[in-house]
């Protein structure tokens, strides 16, 4: 509050990858409750709320919220929710070109199939190909191995552990 009282313009607090906290419910509950409290303080209509209205929260997560939170403590049911749709072939080709990569359409389609069109994962794959951390051929080999491992060893265990993950 001290910092907010000293400034004239809004302060943006951007938190990325908060889904990493979902695996730590003992921390997540208190932390997300704190974010909710900060948001609520801007709505009280007193001198303090004018100060808290300067705070802009941007909370980014890449999965659905899979932790049980009290609806009155959750910051995920406030503000504007923005869902980023899966990338299309044209968007992946455009992003590849921006990385200096000229991927044939069949490779673009393979990449989309491999990561389900997820924009973040596509961006990571293209970055690592561009940085020469991995070749396209190595990525396709990994994709085949991952597909087999997932099908045989991971998918059978998901429904009992997290029934909401499989629809």
Foldseek 3Di string as FASTA:
>chain_A
DVVLVPDDAADEDEAEACVVCLVVVVVVQVVLLVVLVLVVCLVPPDPSNVSSVSYHYHYYHDDPRPHDYDPSRGPVVDDDDDDDDFDDLVRLCVLLVVLVHRDDSVLSVVQCVLVVRPPVSSNVVSVCCSVVVDPSVRVVVVSVVVVVCCVPPPVVPCCVVPVVVPD
